[in-house]
Amino acid sequence: DANKAYEKLLGVSKETVIGKKAYETVPSLDRDWLDIFGRVALTGE
C-alpha cells in the first residue's frame, strides 16, 4: 500500500507499484534501502 504523498514524492502511481517487487519497478534501487527495510522487518526496531 502507498499514499498520495508517496506517489508525489517518488514520481510513481501506486497502481504501478502495488503488488510488485521493488526491483521490477525500480531496477536501480539502492541496496541500502533493502538493508534498512530488511533489518526493521526482522528485528522490529
All heavy atoms as atom14 arrays in JSON, in Angstrom:
{
  "sequence": "DANKAYEKLLGVSKETVIGKKAYETVPSLDRDWLDIFGRVALTGE",
  "atom14_mask": [
    [1, 1, 1, 1, 1, 1, 1, 1, 0, 0, 0, 0, 0, 0],
    [1, 1, 1, 1, 1, 0, 0, 0, 0, 0, 0, 0, 0, 0],
    [1, 1, 1, 1, 1, 1, 1, 1, 0, 0, 0, 0, 0, 0],
    [1, 1, 1, 1, 1, 1, 1, 1, 1, 0, 0, 0, 0, 0],
    [1, 1, 1, 1, 1, 0, 0, 0, 0, 0, 0, 0, 0, 0],
    [1, 1, 1, 1, 1, 1, 1, 1, 1, 1, 1, 1, 0, 0],
    [1, 1, 1, 1, 1, 1, 1, 1, 1, 0, 0, 0, 0, 0],
    [1, 1, 1, 1, 1, 1, 1, 1, 1, 0, 0, 0, 0, 0],
    [1, 1, 1, 1, 1, 1, 1, 1, 0, 0, 0, 0, 0, 0],
    [1, 1, 1, 1, 1, 1, 1, 1, 0, 0, 0, 0, 0, 0],
    [1, 1, 1, 1, 0, 0, 0, 0, 0, 0, 0, 0, 0, 0],
    [1, 1, 1, 1, 1, 1, 1, 0, 0, 0, 0, 0, 0, 0],
    [1, 1, 1, 1, 1, 1, 0, 0, 0, 0, 0, 0, 0, 0],
    [1, 1, 1, 1, 1, 1, 1, 1, 1, 0, 0, 0, 0, 0],
    [1, 1, 1, 1, 1, 1, 1, 1, 1, 0, 0, 0, 0, 0],
    [1, 1, 1, 1, 1, 1, 1, 0, 0, 0, 0, 0, 0, 0],
    [1, 1, 1, 1, 1, 1, 1, 0, 0, 0, 0, 0, 0, 0],
    [1, 1, 1, 1, 1, 1, 1, 1, 0, 0, 0, 0, 0, 0],
    [1, 1, 1, 1, 0, 0, 0, 0, 0, 0, 0, 0, 0, 0],
    [1, 1, 1, 1, 1, 1, 1, 1, 1, 0, 0, 0, 0, 0],
    [1, 1, 1, 1, 1, 1, 1, 1, 1, 0, 0, 0, 0, 0],
    [1, 1, 1, 1, 1, 0, 0, 0, 0, 0, 0, 0, 0, 0],
    [1, 1, 1, 1, 1, 1, 1, 1, 1, 1, 1, 1, 0, 0],
    [1, 1, 1, 1, 1, 1, 1, 1, 1, 0, 0, 0, 0, 0],
    [1, 1, 1, 1, 1, 1, 1, 0, 0, 0, 0, 0, 0, 0],
    [1, 1, 1, 1, 1, 1, 1, 0, 0, 0, 0, 0, 0, 0],
    [1, 1, 1, 1, 1, 1, 1, 0, 0, 0, 0, 0, 0, 0],
    [1, 1, 1, 1, 1, 1, 0, 0, 0, 0, 0, 0, 0, 0],
    [1, 1, 1, 1, 1, 1, 1, 1, 0, 0, 0, 0, 0, 0],
    [1, 1, 1, 1, 1, 1, 1, 1, 0, 0, 0, 0, 0, 0],
    [1, 1, 1, 1, 1, 1, 1, 1, 1, 1, 1, 0, 0, 0],
    [1, 1, 1, 1, 1, 1, 1, 1, 0, 0, 0, 0, 0, 0],
    [1, 1, 1, 1, 1, 1, 1, 1, 1, 1, 1, 1, 1, 1],
    [1, 1, 1, 1, 1, 1, 1, 1, 0, 0, 0, 0, 0, 0],
    [1, 1, 1, 1, 1, 1, 1, 1, 0, 0, 0, 0, 0, 0],
    [1, 1, 1, 1, 1, 1, 1, 1, 0, 0, 0, 0, 0, 0],
    [1, 1, 1, 1, 1, 1, 1, 1, 1, 1, 1, 0, 0, 0],
    [1, 1, 1, 1, 0, 0, 0, 0, 0, 0, 0, 0, 0, 0],
    [1, 1, 1, 1, 1, 1, 1, 1, 1, 1, 1, 0, 0, 0],
    [1, 1, 1, 1, 1, 1, 1, 0, 0, 0, 0, 0, 0, 0],
    [1, 1, 1, 1, 1, 0, 0, 0, 0, 0, 0, 0, 0, 0],
    [1, 1, 1, 1, 1, 1, 1, 1, 0, 0, 0, 0, 0, 0],
    [1, 1, 1, 1, 1, 1, 1, 0, 0, 0, 0, 0, 0, 0],
    [1, 1, 1, 1, 0, 0, 0, 0, 0, 0, 0, 0, 0, 0],
    [1, 1, 1, 1, 1, 1, 1, 1, 1, 0, 0, 0, 0, 0]
  ],
  "atom14_positions": [
    [[0.85, -1.19, 0.0], [0.0, 0.0, 0.0], [0.88, 1.23, 0.0], [2.04, 1.18, 0.44], [-0.92, 0.0, 1.22], [-2.18, 0.85, 1.03], [-2.32, 1.5, -0.03], [-3.02, 0.86, 1.95], [0.0, 0.0, 0.0], [0.0, 0.0, 0.0], [0.0, 0.0, 0.0], [0.0, 0.0, 0.0], [0.0, 0.0, 0.0], [0.0, 0.0, 0.0]],
    [[0.35, 2.32, -0.48], [1.07, 3.59, -0.52], [0.06, 4.72, -0.56], [-1.06, 4.54, -1.04], [1.98, 3.66, -1.75], [0.0, 0.0, 0.0], [0.0, 0.0, 0.0], [0.0, 0.0, 0.0], [0.0, 0.0, 0.0], [0.0, 0.0, 0.0], [0.0, 0.0, 0.0], [0.0, 0.0, 0.0], [0.0, 0.0, 0.0], [0.0, 0.0, 0.0]],
    [[0.46, 5.89, -0.06], [-0.47, 7.02, -0.07], [-0.15, 7.99, -1.21], [0.79, 7.8, -1.97], [-0.5, 7.72, 1.3], [0.78, 8.46, 1.63], [1.76, 8.45, 0.9], [0.77, 9.12, 2.77], [0.0, 0.0, 0.0], [0.0, 0.0, 0.0], [0.0, 0.0, 0.0], [0.0, 0.0, 0.0], [0.0, 0.0, 0.0], [0.0, 0.0, 0.0]],
    [[-0.95, 9.03, -1.3], [-0.79, 10.02, -2.38], [0.56, 10.73, -2.31], [1.18, 11.0, -3.34], [-1.92, 11.06, -2.31], [-3.28, 10.52, -2.65], [-4.33, 11.61, -2.44], [-5.73, 11.06, -2.55], [-6.74, 12.09, -2.25], [0.0, 0.0, 0.0], [0.0, 0.0, 0.0], [0.0, 0.0, 0.0], [0.0, 0.0, 0.0], [0.0, 0.0, 0.0]],
    [[1.01, 11.05, -1.09], [2.3, 11.73, -0.95], [3.44, 10.83, -1.42], [4.42, 11.32, -1.99], [2.51, 12.17, 0.49], [0.0, 0.0, 0.0], [0.0, 0.0, 0.0], [0.0, 0.0, 0.0], [0.0, 0.0, 0.0], [0.0, 0.0, 0.0], [0.0, 0.0, 0.0], [0.0, 0.0, 0.0], [0.0, 0.0, 0.0], [0.0, 0.0, 0.0]],
    [[3.34, 9.54, -1.21], [4.32, 8.59, -1.72], [4.42, 8.71, -3.23], [5.51, 8.81, -3.79], [3.9, 7.17, -1.32], [4.74, 6.04, -1.87], [5.77, 5.5, -1.11], [4.5, 5.49, -3.12], [6.54, 4.45, -1.59], [5.26, 4.44, -3.61], [6.28, 3.92, -2.84], [7.03, 2.89, -3.31], [0.0, 0.0, 0.0], [0.0, 0.0, 0.0]],
    [[3.27, 8.74, -3.88], [3.24, 8.88, -5.34], [3.91, 10.18, -5.78], [4.72, 10.18, -6.71], [1.79, 8.86, -5.84], [1.09, 7.55, -5.65], [-0.36, 7.61, -6.11], [-1.16, 8.34, -5.49], [-0.67, 6.93, -7.11], [0.0, 0.0, 0.0], [0.0, 0.0, 0.0], [0.0, 0.0, 0.0], [0.0, 0.0, 0.0], [0.0, 0.0, 0.0]],
    [[3.57, 11.26, -5.12], [4.09, 12.58, -5.49], [5.6, 12.66, -5.24], [6.36, 13.11, -6.11], [3.37, 13.67, -4.7], [3.82, 15.06, -5.04], [3.04, 16.09, -4.24], [3.54, 17.49, -4.56], [2.9, 18.5, -3.75], [0.0, 0.0, 0.0], [0.0, 0.0, 0.0], [0.0, 0.0, 0.0], [0.0, 0.0, 0.0], [0.0, 0.0, 0.0]],
    [[6.06, 12.21, -4.08], [7.47, 12.32, -3.73], [8.37, 11.42, -4.57], [9.51, 11.76, -4.86], [7.67, 12.01, -2.24], [7.1, 13.04, -1.27], [7.08, 12.49, 0.15], [7.89, 14.33, -1.34], [0.0, 0.0, 0.0], [0.0, 0.0, 0.0], [0.0, 0.0, 0.0], [0.0, 0.0, 0.0], [0.0, 0.0, 0.0], [0.0, 0.0, 0.0]],
    [[7.85, 10.26, -4.97], [8.67, 9.32, -5.75], [8.38, 9.38, -7.24], [9.06, 8.74, -8.04], [8.47, 7.89, -5.23], [8.86, 7.66, -3.77], [8.73, 6.19, -3.41], [10.27, 8.16, -3.47], [0.0, 0.0, 0.0], [0.0, 0.0, 0.0], [0.0, 0.0, 0.0], [0.0, 0.0, 0.0], [0.0, 0.0, 0.0], [0.0, 0.0, 0.0]],
    [[7.32, 10.1, -7.61], [7.01, 10.25, -9.03], [6.48, 8.98, -9.67], [6.77, 8.71, -10.84], [0.0, 0.0, 0.0], [0.0, 0.0, 0.0], [0.0, 0.0, 0.0], [0.0, 0.0, 0.0], [0.0, 0.0, 0.0], [0.0, 0.0, 0.0], [0.0, 0.0, 0.0], [0.0, 0.0, 0.0], [0.0, 0.0, 0.0], [0.0, 0.0, 0.0]],
    [[5.73, 8.2, -8.91], [5.13, 6.97, -9.43], [3.66, 6.93, -9.04], [3.26, 7.55, -8.06], [5.82, 5.7, -8.88], [7.27, 5.63, -9.28], [5.68, 5.6, -7.37], [0.0, 0.0, 0.0], [0.0, 0.0, 0.0], [0.0, 0.0, 0.0], [0.0, 0.0, 0.0], [0.0, 0.0, 0.0], [0.0, 0.0, 0.0], [0.0, 0.0, 0.0]],
    [[2.87, 6.2, -9.79], [1.49, 5.98, -9.35], [1.48, 4.68, -8.56], [2.21, 3.74, -8.88], [0.54, 5.9, -10.54], [0.68, 4.66, -11.2], [0.0, 0.0, 0.0], [0.0, 0.0, 0.0], [0.0, 0.0, 0.0], [0.0, 0.0, 0.0], [0.0, 0.0, 0.0], [0.0, 0.0, 0.0], [0.0, 0.0, 0.0], [0.0, 0.0, 0.0]],
    [[0.67, 4.66, -7.53], [0.67, 3.45, -6.7], [0.17, 2.24, -7.47], [0.56, 1.12, -7.18], [-0.07, 3.66, -5.39], [-1.54, 3.83, -5.45], [-2.04, 4.07, -4.03], [-3.53, 4.02, -3.93], [-3.95, 4.17, -2.54], [0.0, 0.0, 0.0], [0.0, 0.0, 0.0], [0.0, 0.0, 0.0], [0.0, 0.0, 0.0], [0.0, 0.0, 0.0]],
    [[-0.64, 2.46, -8.5], [-1.1, 1.34, -9.31], [0.06, 0.62, -10.0], [-0.03, -0.57, -10.29], [-2.12, 1.79, -10.37], [-3.48, 2.16, -9.81], [-3.52, 3.53, -9.13], [-2.64, 4.38, -9.4], [-4.41, 3.75, -8.3], [0.0, 0.0, 0.0], [0.0, 0.0, 0.0], [0.0, 0.0, 0.0], [0.0, 0.0, 0.0], [0.0, 0.0, 0.0]],
    [[1.15, 1.33, -10.25], [2.31, 0.71, -10.91], [3.22, -0.03, -9.94], [4.08, -0.79, -10.39], [3.15, 1.75, -11.69], [3.69, 2.69, -10.76], [2.33, 2.46, -12.74], [0.0, 0.0, 0.0], [0.0, 0.0, 0.0], [0.0, 0.0, 0.0], [0.0, 0.0, 0.0], [0.0, 0.0, 0.0], [0.0, 0.0, 0.0], [0.0, 0.0, 0.0]],
    [[3.06, 0.2, -8.63], [3.96, -0.46, -7.68], [3.27, -1.45, -6.75], [3.9, -2.39, -6.27], [4.75, 0.57, -6.83], [5.68, 1.39, -7.7], [3.84, 1.46, -6.01], [0.0, 0.0, 0.0], [0.0, 0.0, 0.0], [0.0, 0.0, 0.0], [0.0, 0.0, 0.0], [0.0, 0.0, 0.0], [0.0, 0.0, 0.0], [0.0, 0.0, 0.0]],
    [[1.98, -1.27, -6.48], [1.29, -2.16, -5.54], [1.25, -3.58, -6.09], [0.89, -3.81, -7.24], [-0.14, -1.64, -5.25], [-0.02, -0.26, -4.65], [-0.92, -2.63, -4.41], [-0.66, 0.03, -3.38], [0.0, 0.0, 0.0], [0.0, 0.0, 0.0], [0.0, 0.0, 0.0], [0.0, 0.0, 0.0], [0.0, 0.0, 0.0], [0.0, 0.0, 0.0]],
    [[1.69, -4.5, -5.23], [1.7, -5.92, -5.61], [2.92, -6.33, -6.4], [3.04, -7.49, -6.78], [0.0, 0.0, 0.0], [0.0, 0.0, 0.0], [0.0, 0.0, 0.0], [0.0, 0.0, 0.0], [0.0, 0.0, 0.0], [0.0, 0.0, 0.0], [0.0, 0.0, 0.0], [0.0, 0.0, 0.0], [0.0, 0.0, 0.0], [0.0, 0.0, 0.0]],
    [[3.82, -5.4, -6.64], [5.02, -5.71, -7.42], [6.27, -5.63, -6.56], [6.32, -4.89, -5.58], [5.14, -4.74, -8.59], [4.0, -4.89, -9.56], [4.28, -4.18, -10.85], [3.13, -4.46, -11.79], [2.55, -3.29, -12.35], [0.0, 0.0, 0.0], [0.0, 0.0, 0.0], [0.0, 0.0, 0.0], [0.0, 0.0, 0.0], [0.0, 0.0, 0.0]],
    [[7.28, -6.37, -6.98], [8.57, -6.29, -6.31], [9.25, -4.98, -6.69], [9.1, -4.49, -7.8], [9.45, -7.48, -6.71], [8.95, -8.79, -6.15], [9.86, -9.93, -6.52], [9.35, -11.23, -5.92], [10.2, -12.36, -6.33], [0.0, 0.0, 0.0], [0.0, 0.0, 0.0], [0.0, 0.0, 0.0], [0.0, 0.0, 0.0], [0.0, 0.0, 0.0]],
    [[10.01, -4.45, -5.76], [10.68, -3.16, -5.97], [11.59, -3.19, -7.19], [11.59, -2.23, -7.98], [11.48, -2.77, -4.73], [0.0, 0.0, 0.0], [0.0, 0.0, 0.0], [0.0, 0.0, 0.0], [0.0, 0.0, 0.0], [0.0, 0.0, 0.0], [0.0, 0.0, 0.0], [0.0, 0.0, 0.0], [0.0, 0.0, 0.0], [0.0, 0.0, 0.0]],
    [[12.34, -4.26, -7.37], [13.27, -4.3, -8.5], [12.56, -4.42, -9.85], [13.16, -4.16, -10.89], [14.3, -5.43, -8.33], [15.42, -5.03, -7.39], [15.66, -5.75, -6.23], [16.23, -3.94, -7.66], [16.69, -5.4, -5.37], [17.26, -3.57, -6.81], [17.49, -4.31, -5.67], [18.5, -3.93, -4.81], [0.0, 0.0, 0.0], [0.0, 0.0, 0.0]],
    [[11.28, -4.77, -9.84], [10.5, -4.75, -11.09], [10.2, -3.31, -11.51], [10.15, -3.01, -12.7], [9.16, -5.48, -10.91], [9.25, -6.97, -10.76], [7.87, -7.56, -10.51], [6.99, -7.41, -11.39], [7.67, -8.17, -9.45], [0.0, 0.0, 0.0], [0.0, 0.0, 0.0], [0.0, 0.0, 0.0], [0.0, 0.0, 0.0], [0.0, 0.0, 0.0]],
    [[9.97, -2.46, -10.54], [9.57, -1.09, -10.83], [10.73, -0.1, -10.73], [10.68, 0.96, -11.33], [8.43, -0.64, -9.89], [8.86, -0.75, -8.54], [7.19, -1.51, -10.09], [0.0, 0.0, 0.0], [0.0, 0.0, 0.0], [0.0, 0.0, 0.0], [0.0, 0.0, 0.0], [0.0, 0.0, 0.0], [0.0, 0.0, 0.0], [0.0, 0.0, 0.0]],
    [[11.75, -0.44, -9.93], [12.93, 0.42, -9.76], [14.18, -0.47, -9.85], [14.77, -0.81, -8.83], [12.91, 1.17, -8.41], [14.06, 2.16, -8.31], [11.59, 1.85, -8.15], [0.0, 0.0, 0.0], [0.0, 0.0, 0.0], [0.0, 0.0, 0.0], [0.0, 0.0, 0.0], [0.0, 0.0, 0.0], [0.0, 0.0, 0.0], [0.0, 0.0, 0.0]],
    [[14.58, -0.85, -11.06], [15.74, -1.74, -11.2], [17.03, -1.19, -10.59], [17.9, -1.95, -10.19], [15.89, -1.9, -12.72], [14.58, -1.52, -13.28], [13.97, -0.53, -12.34], [0.0, 0.0, 0.0], [0.0, 0.0, 0.0], [0.0, 0.0, 0.0], [0.0, 0.0, 0.0], [0.0, 0.0, 0.0], [0.0, 0.0, 0.0], [0.0, 0.0, 0.0]],
    [[17.14, 0.13, -10.49], [18.36, 0.74, -9.94], [18.24, 1.07, -8.45], [18.99, 1.9, -7.94], [18.69, 2.01, -10.73], [17.62, 2.93, -10.65], [0.0, 0.0, 0.0], [0.0, 0.0, 0.0], [0.0, 0.0, 0.0], [0.0, 0.0, 0.0], [0.0, 0.0, 0.0], [0.0, 0.0, 0.0], [0.0, 0.0, 0.0], [0.0, 0.0, 0.0]],
    [[17.34, 0.39, -7.76], [17.14, 0.63, -6.32], [18.45, 0.41, -5.56], [19.15, -0.58, -5.77], [16.08, -0.33, -5.78], [15.74, -0.2, -4.3], [14.96, 1.09, -4.05], [14.92, -1.39, -3.84], [0.0, 0.0, 0.0], [0.0, 0.0, 0.0], [0.0, 0.0, 0.0], [0.0, 0.0, 0.0], [0.0, 0.0, 0.0], [0.0, 0.0, 0.0]],
    [[18.79, 1.35, -4.68], [20.0, 1.24, -3.86], [19.85, 0.1, -2.85], [18.82, -0.03, -2.19], [20.25, 2.54, -3.1], [20.55, 3.72, -4.0], [21.2, 3.5, -5.04], [20.11, 4.84, -3.67], [0.0, 0.0, 0.0], [0.0, 0.0, 0.0], [0.0, 0.0, 0.0], [0.0, 0.0, 0.0], [0.0, 0.0, 0.0], [0.0, 0.0, 0.0]],
    [[20.89, -0.67, -2.71], [20.91, -1.8, -1.78], [20.67, -1.35, -0.34], [20.1, -2.09, 0.47], [22.27, -2.52, -1.91], [22.51, -3.63, -0.94], [21.68, -4.83, -1.25], [21.5, -5.58, -0.01], [20.8, -6.66, 0.08], [20.21, -7.16, -0.98], [20.65, -7.28, 1.21], [0.0, 0.0, 0.0], [0.0, 0.0, 0.0], [0.0, 0.0, 0.0]],
    [[21.07, -0.12, 0.0], [20.9, 0.39, 1.37], [19.45, 0.32, 1.83], [19.17, 0.05, 3.0], [21.38, 1.84, 1.48], [22.88, 1.96, 1.33], [23.59, 0.94, 1.34], [23.35, 3.11, 1.18], [0.0, 0.0, 0.0], [0.0, 0.0, 0.0], [0.0, 0.0, 0.0], [0.0, 0.0, 0.0], [0.0, 0.0, 0.0], [0.0, 0.0, 0.0]],
    [[18.51, 0.58, 0.9], [17.09, 0.55, 1.27], [16.69, -0.86, 1.71], [15.97, -1.03, 2.69], [16.21, 1.02, 0.11], [16.41, 2.47, -0.21], [17.09, 2.98, -1.28], [15.97, 3.59, 0.56], [17.09, 4.35, -1.22], [16.4, 4.76, -0.11], [15.25, 3.72, 1.74], [16.14, 6.04, 0.37], [14.98, 5.01, 2.21], [15.43, 6.14, 1.53]],
    [[17.16, -1.88, 1.0], [16.84, -3.25, 1.38], [17.43, -3.61, 2.73], [16.8, -4.3, 3.53], [17.36, -4.24, 0.33], [16.62, -4.29, -0.99], [17.3, -5.26, -1.94], [15.17, -4.69, -0.78], [0.0, 0.0, 0.0], [0.0, 0.0, 0.0], [0.0, 0.0, 0.0], [0.0, 0.0, 0.0], [0.0, 0.0, 0.0], [0.0, 0.0, 0.0]],
    [[18.65, -3.16, 2.99], [19.28, -3.43, 4.28], [18.5, -2.81, 5.42], [18.25, -3.45, 6.44], [20.73, -2.93, 4.28], [21.62, -3.7, 3.31], [21.27, -4.84, 2.94], [22.66, -3.14, 2.9], [0.0, 0.0, 0.0], [0.0, 0.0, 0.0], [0.0, 0.0, 0.0], [0.0, 0.0, 0.0], [0.0, 0.0, 0.0], [0.0, 0.0, 0.0]],
    [[18.1, -1.55, 5.24], [17.32, -0.86, 6.28], [15.98, -1.56, 6.49], [15.62, -1.94, 7.6], [17.1, 0.62, 5.92], [18.41, 1.4, 5.96], [16.06, 1.26, 6.84], [18.33, 2.79, 5.33], [0.0, 0.0, 0.0], [0.0, 0.0, 0.0], [0.0, 0.0, 0.0], [0.0, 0.0, 0.0], [0.0, 0.0, 0.0], [0.0, 0.0, 0.0]],
    [[15.23, -1.71, 5.4], [13.89, -2.29, 5.5], [13.94, -3.72, 6.01], [13.12, -4.14, 6.83], [13.18, -2.25, 4.15], [12.86, -0.86, 3.64], [12.34, -0.69, 2.38], [13.09, 0.27, 4.4], [12.03, 0.56, 1.88], [12.79, 1.54, 3.92], [12.26, 1.69, 2.66], [0.0, 0.0, 0.0], [0.0, 0.0, 0.0], [0.0, 0.0, 0.0]],
    [[14.9, -4.51, 5.53], [15.02, -5.9, 5.96], [15.33, -6.02, 7.44], [14.75, -6.85, 8.15], [0.0, 0.0, 0.0], [0.0, 0.0, 0.0], [0.0, 0.0, 0.0], [0.0, 0.0, 0.0], [0.0, 0.0, 0.0], [0.0, 0.0, 0.0], [0.0, 0.0, 0.0], [0.0, 0.0, 0.0], [0.0, 0.0, 0.0], [0.0, 0.0, 0.0]],
    [[16.24, -5.18, 7.94], [16.58, -5.21, 9.36], [15.37, -4.87, 10.22], [15.08, -5.53, 11.22], [17.75, -4.25, 9.64], [18.18, -4.25, 11.09], [19.45, -3.44, 11.36], [19.38, -2.08, 10.88], [20.16, -1.57, 9.93], [21.07, -2.31, 9.34], [20.04, -0.31, 9.56], [0.0, 0.0, 0.0], [0.0, 0.0, 0.0], [0.0, 0.0, 0.0]],
    [[14.64, -3.84, 9.82], [13.46, -3.43, 10.59], [12.4, -4.53, 10.58], [11.83, -4.85, 11.63], [12.88, -2.11, 10.02], [11.52, -1.8, 10.62], [13.85, -0.96, 10.27], [0.0, 0.0, 0.0], [0.0, 0.0, 0.0], [0.0, 0.0, 0.0], [0.0, 0.0, 0.0], [0.0, 0.0, 0.0], [0.0, 0.0, 0.0], [0.0, 0.0, 0.0]],
    [[12.15, -5.13, 9.42], [11.13, -6.18, 9.33], [11.49, -7.4, 10.16], [10.6, -8.07, 10.7], [10.92, -6.58, 7.87], [0.0, 0.0, 0.0], [0.0, 0.0, 0.0], [0.0, 0.0, 0.0], [0.0, 0.0, 0.0], [0.0, 0.0, 0.0], [0.0, 0.0, 0.0], [0.0, 0.0, 0.0], [0.0, 0.0, 0.0], [0.0, 0.0, 0.0]],
    [[12.77, -7.69, 10.3], [13.2, -8.84, 11.11], [13.25, -8.55, 12.6], [12.82, -9.36, 13.41], [14.58, -9.32, 10.65], [14.64, -10.12, 9.37], [16.08, -10.4, 8.98], [13.87, -11.43, 9.51], [0.0, 0.0, 0.0], [0.0, 0.0, 0.0], [0.0, 0.0, 0.0], [0.0, 0.0, 0.0], [0.0, 0.0, 0.0], [0.0, 0.0, 0.0]],
    [[13.78, -7.38, 12.96], [14.04, -7.09, 14.38], [12.9, -6.36, 15.07], [12.79, -6.44, 16.29], [15.3, -6.23, 14.54], [15.06, -4.93, 13.98], [16.51, -6.89, 13.9], [0.0, 0.0, 0.0], [0.0, 0.0, 0.0], [0.0, 0.0, 0.0], [0.0, 0.0, 0.0], [0.0, 0.0, 0.0], [0.0, 0.0, 0.0], [0.0, 0.0, 0.0]],
    [[12.14, -5.61, 14.32], [11.08, -4.81, 14.94], [11.57, -3.48, 15.46], [10.79, -2.69, 16.01], [0.0, 0.0, 0.0], [0.0, 0.0, 0.0], [0.0, 0.0, 0.0], [0.0, 0.0, 0.0], [0.0, 0.0, 0.0], [0.0, 0.0, 0.0], [0.0, 0.0, 0.0], [0.0, 0.0, 0.0], [0.0, 0.0, 0.0], [0.0, 0.0, 0.0]],
    [[12.87, -3.19, 15.29], [13.37, -1.9, 15.76], [12.8, -0.77, 14.9], [12.58, -0.93, 13.7], [14.9, -1.86, 15.7], [15.47, -1.76, 14.3], [16.97, -1.63, 14.23], [17.48, -0.51, 14.47], [17.63, -2.63, 13.93], [0.0, 0.0, 0.0], [0.0, 0.0, 0.0], [0.0, 0.0, 0.0], [0.0, 0.0, 0.0], [0.0, 0.0, 0.0]]
  ]
}
